C-alpha atoms as a PDB file:
ATOM      1  CA  MET A   1      73.314 150.987  70.170  1.00  0.00           C
ATOM      2  CA  GLU A   2      72.907 153.649  72.824  1.00  0.00           C
ATOM      3  CA  SER A   3      74.394 157.099  72.320  1.00  0.00           C
ATOM      4  CA  ILE A   4      74.387 160.526  73.874  1.00  0.00           C
ATOM      5  CA  CYS A   5      73.698 163.585  71.734  1.00  0.00           C
ATOM      6  CA  PHE A   6      74.338 167.203  72.638  1.00  0.00           C
ATOM      7  CA  GLU A   7      72.718 170.149  70.909  1.00  0.00           C
ATOM      8  CA  VAL A   8      75.214 172.990  70.456  1.00  0.00           C
ATOM      9  CA  THR A   9      74.947 176.518  69.091  1.00  0.00           C
ATOM     10  CA  GLU A  10      78.273 176.691  67.196  1.00  0.00           C
ATOM     11  CA  LEU A  11      78.680 173.265  65.582  1.00  0.00           C
ATOM     12  CA  ASP A  12      81.330 174.362  63.058  1.00  0.00           C
ATOM     13  CA  GLU A  13      83.494 175.943  65.770  1.00  0.00           C
ATOM     14  CA  LEU A  14      83.153 172.900  68.036  1.00  0.00           C
ATOM     15  CA  TYR A  15      83.903 170.563  65.120  1.00  0.00           C
ATOM     16  CA  ASP A  16      87.085 172.504  64.272  1.00  0.00           C
ATOM     17  CA  GLN A  17      88.241 172.450  67.908  1.00  0.00           C
ATOM     18  CA  MET A  18      87.645 168.732  68.305  1.00  0.00           C
ATOM     19  CA  LYS A  19      89.230 167.942  64.934  1.00  0.00           C
ATOM     20  CA  ARG A  20      92.376 169.800  65.988  1.00  0.00           C
ATOM     21  CA  ALA A  21      92.353 167.807  69.242  1.00  0.00           C
ATOM     22  CA  GLY A  22      92.412 164.564  67.265  1.00  0.00           C
ATOM     23  CA  GLY A  23      88.964 163.061  67.690  1.00  0.00           C
ATOM     24  CA  CYS A  24      85.664 164.097  66.272  1.00  0.00           C
ATOM     25  CA  GLY A  25      82.801 163.245  64.006  1.00  0.00           C
ATOM     26  CA  ARG A  26      80.177 165.280  62.203  1.00  0.00           C
ATOM     27  CA  ALA A  27      76.511 165.409  63.230  1.00  0.00           C
ATOM     28  CA  PHE A  28      73.200 167.034  62.433  1.00  0.00           C
ATOM     29  CA  TYR A  29      69.539 166.779  63.406  1.00  0.00           C
ATOM     30  CA  PHE A  30      66.554 166.146  61.190  1.00  0.00           C
ATOM     31  CA  TYR A  31      62.822 165.610  61.608  1.00  0.00           C
ATOM     32  CA  ASP A  32      60.492 163.031  60.097  1.00  0.00           C
ATOM     33  CA  PRO A  33      57.091 164.046  58.657  1.00  0.00           C
ATOM     34  CA  ASP A  34      55.466 163.470  62.085  1.00  0.00           C
ATOM     35  CA  GLY A  35      57.851 165.922  63.781  1.00  0.00           C
ATOM     36  CA  ASN A  36      60.041 163.320  65.556  1.00  0.00           C
ATOM     37  CA  LYS A  37      63.603 164.566  65.996  1.00  0.00           C
ATOM     38  CA  TYR A  38      66.553 162.346  65.020  1.00  0.00           C
ATOM     39  CA  ALA A  39      70.333 162.746  65.105  1.00  0.00           C
ATOM     40  CA  ALA A  40      72.769 161.562  62.434  1.00  0.00           C
ATOM     41  CA  TRP A  41      76.423 161.189  63.406  1.00  0.00           C
ATOM     42  CA  GLN A  42      79.536 160.040  61.580  1.00  0.00           C
ATOM     43  CA  GLY A  43      82.635 159.254  63.574  1.00  0.00           C
ATOM     44  CA  VAL A  44      86.153 159.816  62.332  1.00  0.00           C
END
């Protein structure tokens, strides 16, 4: 499945704003041992 990810500086603030607006998930980035960057996202 294709997705679009945005890197933001204030994730908690953005999450609170979107949650109040009625639609949001929670996301974070992580790296594998080779340095490849991945995103994990959970929708509401």
